[in-house]
Amino acid sequence: MANSKAIGVAYSDQDIVGADNLMANRTLGYTAQGQSAVTQLTSKATPVTINAPMGVITTAASSLASATAVNFTVTNSFISAGSVIALNIGSLATTSYTVSVRGISGTTFVIGLTNISGGSLAEAVPINFAIITAGT
């Protein structure tokens, strides 16, 4: 495909609109152009903006007490009413947190982060996300 132009998930010369199945026998994902990263500035409750369909949100290294949850808003222009957000804790070598999507509205979604370690923690937590968008 010498004349192909990468556009994030697929190539501009590929017609996958209306396909019943999209399968890969290796990796299916986003190109480097479809990924981004952002770090919270002041606390784990600080909202962030990241306009990419996939990326990493790194929380502020502020303290989070044991058995405590904090929510923060993510603004992302790739979000739509039928979007599905996949989340997981990134490269942190711990099982001290859970992460979930608390809601989606307009071009924002809310992430909930809960400390399940049994003690207070103050560390930057990398949260990987990917947006799966429903057809329009």
Protein backbone atom coordinates (compact mmCIF):
# COMPACT_ATOMS: atom_id res chain seq x y z
CA MET A 1 0.00 0.00 0.00
CA ALA A 2 2.54 2.55 -1.10
CA ASN A 3 -0.13 5.23 -1.55
CA SER A 4 -1.81 4.67 1.82
CA LYS A 5 -2.09 7.53 4.28
CA ALA A 6 -2.32 6.71 8.00
CA ILE A 7 -5.31 8.45 9.61
CA GLY A 8 -5.21 7.05 13.16
CA VAL A 9 -6.94 3.69 13.20
CA ALA A 10 -7.00 2.73 9.53
CA TYR A 11 -5.75 3.94 6.20
CA SER A 12 -7.59 6.52 4.11
CA ASP A 13 -7.78 4.19 1.09
CA GLN A 14 -9.47 1.39 3.04
CA ASP A 15 -13.25 1.19 3.12
CA ILE A 16 -14.34 -0.38 6.39
CA VAL A 17 -17.60 1.55 6.77
CA GLY A 18 -20.49 -0.88 6.96
CA ALA A 19 -18.29 -3.93 7.42
CA ASP A 20 -19.86 -6.70 9.49
CA ASN A 21 -16.54 -7.77 10.97
CA LEU A 22 -13.14 -6.19 11.47
CA MET A 23 -10.54 -8.74 12.47
CA ALA A 24 -6.79 -8.96 12.76
CA ASN A 25 -4.56 -11.96 13.20
CA ARG A 26 -1.98 -9.94 15.16
CA THR A 27 -2.49 -6.44 16.57
CA LEU A 28 -5.38 -4.04 16.20
CA GLY A 29 -4.80 -0.60 17.67
CA TYR A 30 -3.94 3.04 17.17
CA THR A 31 -0.97 4.52 15.35
CA ALA A 32 1.41 6.84 17.18
CA GLN A 33 -0.54 9.80 15.75
CA GLY A 34 -3.68 8.52 17.52
CA GLN A 35 -2.05 8.51 20.97
CA SER A 36 -1.30 11.23 23.50
CA ALA A 37 -0.43 11.78 27.16
CA VAL A 38 -1.33 14.29 29.87
CA THR A 39 -0.42 14.76 33.55
CA GLN A 40 -2.66 16.28 36.20
CA LEU A 41 -1.21 19.47 37.63
CA THR A 42 -2.25 19.77 41.28
CA SER A 43 -4.33 16.90 42.67
CA LYS A 44 -5.97 13.62 41.72
CA ALA A 45 -9.27 15.53 41.36
CA THR A 46 -7.88 18.01 38.80
CA PRO A 47 -9.67 17.82 35.41
CA VAL A 48 -7.58 17.12 32.29
CA THR A 49 -7.98 17.63 28.56
CA ILE A 50 -6.56 15.10 26.13
CA ASN A 51 -7.80 15.05 22.54
CA ALA A 52 -6.77 11.64 21.25
CA PRO A 53 -8.59 8.31 20.95
CA MET A 54 -5.94 6.56 23.06
CA GLY A 55 -3.36 7.59 25.61
CA VAL A 56 -2.10 7.82 29.15
CA ILE A 57 -3.38 10.09 31.89
CA THR A 58 -0.90 10.36 34.77
CA THR A 59 -2.44 11.53 38.01
CA ALA A 60 -0.84 14.05 40.32
CA ALA A 61 1.26 12.46 43.06
CA SER A 62 -1.07 13.83 45.74
CA SER A 63 -2.15 11.76 48.74
CA LEU A 64 -5.15 9.44 48.56
CA ALA A 65 -6.30 7.84 51.82
CA SER A 66 -7.05 4.14 52.12
CA ALA A 67 -10.51 3.06 50.91
CA THR A 68 -11.02 6.49 49.35
CA ALA A 69 -12.21 7.22 45.83
CA VAL A 70 -11.60 10.37 43.84
CA ASN A 71 -13.27 11.38 40.58
CA PHE A 72 -11.90 13.63 37.87
CA THR A 73 -13.24 14.81 34.53
CA VAL A 74 -11.52 14.14 31.21
CA THR A 75 -12.42 16.35 28.26
CA ASN A 76 -11.79 14.65 24.92
CA SER A 77 -13.08 15.69 21.48
CA PHE A 78 -13.24 12.03 20.38
CA ILE A 79 -16.05 11.23 22.85
CA SER A 80 -19.60 10.89 21.55
CA ALA A 81 -22.89 9.64 23.00
CA GLY A 82 -22.24 5.99 22.12
CA SER A 83 -18.57 5.88 23.11
CA VAL A 84 -17.10 3.06 25.20
CA ILE A 85 -14.04 3.87 27.29
CA ALA A 86 -11.57 1.11 28.15
CA LEU A 87 -9.34 1.88 31.16
CA ASN A 88 -6.59 0.17 33.11
CA ILE A 89 -3.81 1.08 35.52
CA GLY A 90 -0.63 1.44 33.48
CA SER A 91 2.98 0.63 34.28
CA LEU A 92 2.72 1.11 38.05
CA ALA A 93 3.98 -2.05 39.75
CA THR A 94 1.12 -2.22 42.25
CA THR A 95 -2.39 -3.54 42.72
CA SER A 96 -3.23 -0.72 45.12
CA TYR A 97 -5.88 0.98 42.96
CA THR A 98 -9.00 0.32 40.95
CA VAL A 99 -10.08 2.54 38.10
CA SER A 100 -13.43 2.89 36.35
CA VAL A 101 -15.51 5.15 34.15
CA ARG A 102 -18.20 6.84 36.26
CA GLY A 103 -20.06 8.45 33.35
CA ILE A 104 -19.96 9.95 29.87
CA SER A 105 -21.58 13.25 28.84
CA GLY A 106 -20.99 15.28 25.69
CA THR A 107 -17.25 15.34 25.10
CA THR A 108 -16.30 14.40 28.66
CA PHE A 109 -16.02 11.30 30.78
CA VAL A 110 -15.40 10.90 34.51
CA ILE A 111 -12.73 8.56 35.85
CA GLY A 112 -13.00 7.15 39.36
CA LEU A 113 -9.77 6.11 41.07
CA THR A 114 -9.96 4.17 44.37
CA ASN A 115 -7.12 3.37 46.77
CA ILE A 116 -7.57 -0.25 47.91
CA SER A 117 -4.10 -0.66 49.46
CA GLY A 118 -5.01 -0.45 53.14
CA GLY A 119 -2.84 2.66 53.64
CA SER A 120 -2.52 6.21 52.41
CA LEU A 121 -0.61 6.56 49.12
CA ALA A 122 0.91 9.57 47.37
CA GLU A 123 2.10 8.48 43.95
CA ALA A 124 1.53 9.36 40.31
CA VAL A 125 -0.78 6.71 38.82
CA PRO A 126 -0.64 6.11 35.04
CA ILE A 127 -4.09 5.36 33.61
CA ASN A 128 -4.24 3.95 30.08
CA PHE A 129 -7.40 4.64 28.09
CA ALA A 130 -8.81 3.83 24.66
CA ILE A 131 -12.02 5.15 23.15
CA ILE A 132 -14.23 2.90 21.06
CA THR A 133 -16.69 5.09 19.19
CA ALA A 134 -20.10 3.93 18.00
CA GLY A 135 -20.99 4.50 14.35
CA THR A 136 -22.72 7.73 13.48
